[in-house]
């Protein structure tokens, strides 16, 4: 009994940290978000899902879904390729090491790197113009929707690779051998065995990437100089005090909706991850 009590005491600092810096601010955000907007009887959270505020949320959801979908597909293919490189340990380790770094690279440094590469005066922009390809004439700008998608994929693909590596490693070689012994082609193996077994990890990885993109702020802000329609960038407008008279709690309402979306996405991810771990035991 005393030993169990000592184990729980070890969690006290972490519990206090979570309560002070996560739970308390979250409750404060929701308390302000549920207050009515001046001149209206409805809470700010309802106001935040109408008009331009709703368009910011939908813009963020669309960007997150697209980058998560592309990142999930490409990252899974990279993970499958990495597992096939088991006989080349050095190459696989280099790929995993790069993925670990790139998955955590974001913010101002990443935005600067892409502006220097694909901005109006970027290196690759200039090189493409030499061969007659003008990105501006094609309607491409690094600060637009398509540009942000490309930048986000830089860290979304490596993150999915790291998520899928254990799942792909968990596919027993005997399954592939058994399928081959009954005449199944590699395509049939992946369609009937590989993909169904990996589907919980795939869906869970998609939700993780969705949450990762939905919560991103610094990269999009730096790329667009604060003019992006992403909800995370819009909240900054309120945090700086540039609020519309009587609607100061709309920033809290947008933040509250972000928390709701993040909780749903991460809950789905954790549930699917637990399911994917069952068949790997």
Protein backbone atom coordinates (compact mmCIF):
# COMPACT_ATOMS: atom_id res chain seq x y z
CA UNK A 1 0.00 0.00 0.00
CA UNK A 2 2.80 2.39 0.94
CA UNK A 3 4.69 1.51 -2.25
CA UNK A 4 1.61 2.30 -4.38
CA UNK A 5 1.22 5.63 -2.56
CA UNK A 6 4.85 6.49 -3.34
CA UNK A 7 4.23 5.71 -7.03
CA UNK A 8 1.26 8.07 -7.13
CA UNK A 9 3.27 10.79 -5.35
CA UNK A 10 5.71 10.68 -8.24
CA UNK A 11 2.92 11.85 -10.55
CA UNK A 12 2.09 14.86 -8.38
CA UNK A 13 4.44 17.37 -10.10
CA UNK A 14 3.17 16.35 -13.54
CA UNK A 15 -0.46 16.51 -12.41
CA UNK A 16 0.05 19.99 -10.97
CA UNK A 17 1.77 21.13 -14.15
CA UNK A 18 -1.10 19.86 -16.32
CA UNK A 19 -3.70 21.40 -14.01
CA UNK A 20 -2.02 24.83 -13.90
CA UNK A 21 -0.90 25.17 -17.52
CA UNK A 22 -3.52 23.11 -19.39
CA UNK A 23 -6.75 22.47 -17.50
CA UNK A 24 -7.06 25.87 -15.83
CA UNK A 25 -6.40 27.89 -19.05
CA UNK A 26 -8.79 25.59 -20.95
CA UNK A 27 -11.57 26.17 -18.42
CA UNK A 28 -10.87 29.91 -18.58
CA UNK A 29 -11.13 29.87 -22.38
CA UNK A 30 -14.47 28.04 -22.32
CA UNK A 31 -15.83 30.30 -19.58
CA UNK A 32 -15.15 33.39 -21.71
CA UNK A 33 -16.31 31.66 -24.90
CA UNK A 34 -19.70 30.89 -23.36
CA UNK A 35 -20.31 34.53 -22.49
CA UNK A 36 -22.74 36.36 -24.82
CA UNK A 37 -21.46 38.82 -27.39
CA UNK A 38 -22.49 42.43 -26.79
CA UNK A 39 -25.79 43.18 -28.47
CA UNK A 40 -26.67 39.50 -28.74
CA UNK A 41 -28.15 36.92 -26.44
CA UNK A 42 -26.24 33.97 -27.89
CA UNK A 43 -22.84 32.85 -26.59
CA UNK A 44 -19.67 33.78 -28.44
CA UNK A 45 -19.16 30.10 -29.37
CA UNK A 46 -22.29 30.26 -31.51
CA UNK A 47 -21.19 33.55 -33.02
CA UNK A 48 -17.84 31.93 -33.90
CA UNK A 49 -19.51 29.39 -36.22
CA UNK A 50 -21.11 31.97 -38.44
CA UNK A 51 -19.92 34.33 -41.18
CA UNK A 52 -16.23 35.04 -41.55
CA UNK A 53 -15.39 33.17 -38.37
CA UNK A 54 -16.89 29.95 -39.70
CA UNK A 55 -15.01 30.41 -42.97
CA UNK A 56 -11.72 30.58 -41.03
CA UNK A 57 -12.53 27.31 -39.25
CA UNK A 58 -13.53 25.60 -42.51
CA UNK A 59 -10.38 26.93 -44.22
CA UNK A 60 -8.25 25.40 -41.47
CA UNK A 61 -10.18 22.11 -41.61
CA UNK A 62 -9.75 21.91 -45.40
CA UNK A 63 -6.02 22.65 -45.21
CA UNK A 64 -5.55 20.14 -42.39
CA UNK A 65 -7.52 17.41 -44.18
CA UNK A 66 -5.62 17.83 -47.46
CA UNK A 67 -2.17 17.87 -45.87
CA UNK A 68 -3.12 14.96 -43.59
CA UNK A 69 -4.42 12.90 -46.52
CA UNK A 70 -1.38 13.53 -48.70
CA UNK A 71 0.99 13.09 -45.79
CA UNK A 72 -0.67 9.82 -44.76
CA UNK A 73 -0.42 8.27 -48.23
CA UNK A 74 3.12 9.41 -49.01
CA UNK A 75 4.40 8.79 -45.47
CA UNK A 76 3.04 5.24 -45.50
CA UNK A 77 4.74 4.51 -48.82
CA UNK A 78 8.00 5.86 -47.40
CA UNK A 79 7.60 3.66 -44.30
CA UNK A 80 7.03 0.58 -46.48
CA UNK A 81 10.12 1.45 -48.49
CA UNK A 82 12.14 1.97 -45.29
CA UNK A 83 11.18 -1.48 -43.99
CA UNK A 84 12.30 -3.01 -47.29
CA UNK A 85 15.72 -1.46 -46.62
CA UNK A 86 16.31 -3.62 -43.53
CA UNK A 87 19.38 -5.13 -45.18
CA UNK A 88 20.78 -1.60 -45.56
CA UNK A 89 20.75 -0.52 -41.92
CA UNK A 90 22.74 2.65 -42.53
CA UNK A 91 20.35 3.94 -45.17
CA UNK A 92 17.31 3.11 -43.05
CA UNK A 93 18.82 4.79 -39.98
CA UNK A 94 19.57 7.90 -42.05
CA UNK A 95 15.96 7.98 -43.29
CA UNK A 96 14.55 7.56 -39.77
CA UNK A 97 16.93 10.18 -38.40
CA UNK A 98 15.93 12.69 -41.07
CA UNK A 99 12.24 11.96 -40.46
CA UNK A 100 12.66 12.56 -36.73
CA UNK A 101 14.27 15.95 -37.38
CA UNK A 102 11.92 17.06 -40.17
CA UNK A 103 8.80 16.04 -38.24
CA UNK A 104 9.74 18.52 -35.52
CA UNK A 105 10.98 21.29 -37.80
CA UNK A 106 8.51 24.11 -38.20
CA UNK A 107 7.85 27.71 -37.37
CA UNK A 108 9.97 30.63 -38.56
CA UNK A 109 13.02 28.59 -39.74
CA UNK A 110 10.90 26.37 -42.00
CA UNK A 111 8.96 29.34 -43.37
CA UNK A 112 12.20 31.20 -44.12
CA UNK A 113 13.65 28.15 -45.89
CA UNK A 114 10.65 27.90 -48.22
CA UNK A 115 10.48 31.65 -48.84
CA UNK A 116 14.17 31.52 -49.80
CA UNK A 117 13.43 28.56 -52.09
CA UNK A 118 9.99 29.20 -53.59
CA UNK A 119 9.26 32.82 -52.72
CA UNK A 120 8.97 35.52 -55.39
CA UNK A 121 12.75 35.98 -55.29
CA UNK A 122 13.53 32.41 -54.21
CA UNK A 123 16.32 30.26 -55.61
CA UNK A 124 14.11 27.68 -57.31
CA UNK A 125 11.72 30.36 -58.52
CA UNK A 126 14.63 32.02 -60.33
CA UNK A 127 15.93 28.71 -61.70
CA UNK A 128 12.48 27.80 -63.07
CA UNK A 129 12.13 31.22 -64.70
CA UNK A 130 15.35 30.55 -66.62
CA UNK A 131 13.69 27.61 -68.38
CA UNK A 132 10.50 29.57 -69.01
CA UNK A 133 8.38 28.47 -66.02
CA UNK A 134 7.05 31.47 -64.12
CA UNK A 135 5.37 30.43 -60.88
CA UNK A 136 3.64 33.80 -60.51
CA UNK A 137 2.03 33.47 -63.95
CA UNK A 138 0.85 30.00 -62.94
CA UNK A 139 -0.89 31.54 -59.93
CA UNK A 140 1.43 30.02 -57.32
CA UNK A 141 2.41 31.99 -54.24
CA UNK A 142 4.11 30.48 -51.23
CA UNK A 143 1.70 32.36 -48.95
CA UNK A 144 -1.44 31.04 -50.69
CA UNK A 145 -3.32 27.85 -49.89
CA UNK A 146 -1.29 25.67 -52.27
CA UNK A 147 1.97 27.10 -50.96
CA UNK A 148 1.06 26.40 -47.33
CA UNK A 149 0.08 22.84 -48.30
CA UNK A 150 3.55 22.23 -49.77
CA UNK A 151 5.25 23.66 -46.69
CA UNK A 152 3.11 21.62 -44.28
CA UNK A 153 3.89 18.42 -46.19
CA UNK A 154 7.55 18.93 -45.28
CA UNK A 155 6.81 17.92 -41.68
CA UNK A 156 3.62 15.92 -42.24
CA UNK A 157 5.23 13.22 -44.41
CA UNK A 158 8.13 12.49 -41.99
CA UNK A 159 5.70 12.39 -39.05
CA UNK A 160 3.54 9.80 -40.82
CA UNK A 161 6.65 7.82 -41.68
CA UNK A 162 7.57 7.60 -38.00
CA UNK A 163 4.00 6.64 -37.06
CA UNK A 164 3.76 3.88 -39.67
CA UNK A 165 7.21 2.32 -39.27
CA UNK A 166 6.28 0.22 -36.20
CA UNK A 167 3.02 -0.88 -37.85
CA UNK A 168 4.73 -1.92 -41.10
CA UNK A 169 7.50 -3.62 -39.11
CA UNK A 170 4.77 -5.53 -37.28
CA UNK A 171 3.56 -7.20 -40.47
CA UNK A 172 4.96 -10.69 -40.07
CA UNK A 173 6.93 -12.05 -43.03
CA UNK A 174 5.03 -15.32 -42.67
CA UNK A 175 1.84 -13.57 -43.80
CA UNK A 176 3.42 -12.57 -47.08
CA UNK A 177 4.94 -16.02 -47.51
CA UNK A 178 1.60 -17.70 -46.82
CA UNK A 179 -0.13 -15.46 -49.35
CA UNK A 180 2.56 -16.21 -51.95
CA UNK A 181 2.24 -19.94 -51.30
CA UNK A 182 -1.41 -19.87 -52.42
CA UNK A 183 -0.57 -17.87 -55.55
CA UNK A 184 -1.34 -14.33 -54.34
CA UNK A 185 0.50 -11.53 -56.11
CA UNK A 186 2.12 -8.68 -54.11
CA UNK A 187 -0.82 -6.42 -55.10
CA UNK A 188 -3.33 -8.98 -53.86
CA UNK A 189 -1.36 -9.38 -50.63
CA UNK A 190 -1.46 -5.66 -49.90
CA UNK A 191 -5.10 -5.31 -50.93
CA UNK A 192 -6.42 -8.28 -48.95
CA UNK A 193 -3.99 -8.53 -46.02
CA UNK A 194 -1.53 -5.66 -45.69
CA UNK A 195 -3.85 -2.66 -46.04
CA UNK A 196 -6.66 -4.10 -43.83
CA UNK A 197 -4.14 -4.82 -41.07
CA UNK A 198 -2.60 -1.36 -41.40
CA UNK A 199 -5.93 0.47 -41.68
CA UNK A 200 -6.23 1.34 -37.94
CA UNK A 201 -2.71 2.78 -37.98
CA UNK A 202 -3.42 4.58 -41.26
CA UNK A 203 -6.59 6.20 -39.94
CA UNK A 204 -4.95 6.99 -36.62
CA UNK A 205 -1.99 8.57 -38.40
CA UNK A 206 -4.35 10.63 -40.54
CA UNK A 207 -6.06 12.00 -37.41
CA UNK A 208 -2.69 12.76 -35.81
CA UNK A 209 -1.56 14.65 -38.91
CA UNK A 210 -4.89 16.47 -39.05
CA UNK A 211 -4.46 17.64 -35.45
CA UNK A 212 -0.84 18.57 -36.12
CA UNK A 213 -1.75 20.77 -39.09
CA UNK A 214 -4.85 22.24 -37.44
CA UNK A 215 -2.85 23.45 -34.44
CA UNK A 216 0.10 24.84 -36.45
CA UNK A 217 0.52 28.59 -36.21
CA UNK A 218 4.02 30.04 -36.57
CA UNK A 219 4.78 28.61 -40.02
CA UNK A 220 1.58 29.87 -41.65
CA UNK A 221 1.87 33.22 -39.90
CA UNK A 222 5.44 33.75 -41.11
CA UNK A 223 4.58 32.70 -44.67
CA UNK A 224 1.59 35.06 -44.93
CA UNK A 225 2.88 37.90 -42.72
CA UNK A 226 -0.18 37.46 -40.53
CA UNK A 227 -2.75 37.66 -43.33
CA UNK A 228 -3.62 33.95 -43.49
CA UNK A 229 -7.24 32.91 -43.01
CA UNK A 230 -6.23 30.04 -40.72
CA UNK A 231 -8.15 30.11 -37.46
CA UNK A 232 -4.94 29.92 -35.41
CA UNK A 233 -3.68 33.11 -37.10
CA UNK A 234 -7.08 34.78 -36.68
CA UNK A 235 -6.97 34.16 -32.93
CA UNK A 236 -3.72 36.16 -32.78
CA UNK A 237 -5.71 39.21 -33.90
CA UNK A 238 -7.65 39.01 -30.65
CA UNK A 239 -4.68 38.13 -28.46
CA UNK A 240 -3.02 41.36 -29.54
CA UNK A 241 -6.01 43.35 -28.39
CA UNK A 242 -7.12 44.35 -31.90
CA UNK A 243 -10.69 43.43 -31.09
CA UNK A 244 -14.00 44.70 -32.33
CA UNK A 245 -15.83 46.65 -29.64
CA UNK A 246 -18.02 44.33 -27.59
CA UNK A 247 -16.69 41.17 -29.26
CA UNK A 248 -13.48 40.61 -27.36
CA UNK A 249 -14.51 37.09 -26.34
CA UNK A 250 -14.74 35.91 -29.96
CA UNK A 251 -11.05 35.07 -29.79
CA UNK A 252 -11.76 32.78 -26.86
CA UNK A 253 -14.65 31.24 -28.79
CA UNK A 254 -12.42 30.43 -31.78
CA UNK A 255 -9.84 28.96 -29.42
CA UNK A 256 -12.56 26.88 -27.75
CA UNK A 257 -13.64 25.42 -31.09
CA UNK A 258 -10.00 24.62 -31.87
CA UNK A 259 -9.79 22.72 -28.58
CA UNK A 260 -12.97 20.79 -29.43
CA UNK A 261 -11.62 19.77 -32.85
CA UNK A 262 -8.24 18.82 -31.37
CA UNK A 263 -9.81 16.70 -28.61
CA UNK A 264 -11.97 14.83 -31.13
CA UNK A 265 -9.03 14.21 -33.48
CA UNK A 266 -6.66 13.07 -30.75
CA UNK A 267 -9.32 10.87 -29.10
CA UNK A 268 -9.86 9.11 -32.42
CA UNK A 269 -6.12 8.73 -32.90
CA UNK A 270 -5.58 7.19 -29.45
CA UNK A 271 -8.50 4.80 -29.92
CA UNK A 272 -7.24 3.63 -33.30
CA UNK A 273 -3.70 3.29 -32.00
CA UNK A 274 -4.84 0.98 -29.21
CA UNK A 275 -6.72 -1.09 -31.77
CA UNK A 276 -3.70 -1.32 -34.08
CA UNK A 277 -1.49 -2.51 -31.21
CA UNK A 278 -3.69 -5.55 -30.53
CA UNK A 279 -2.73 -7.51 -33.63
CA UNK A 280 0.98 -6.62 -33.21
CA UNK A 281 1.19 -8.39 -29.82
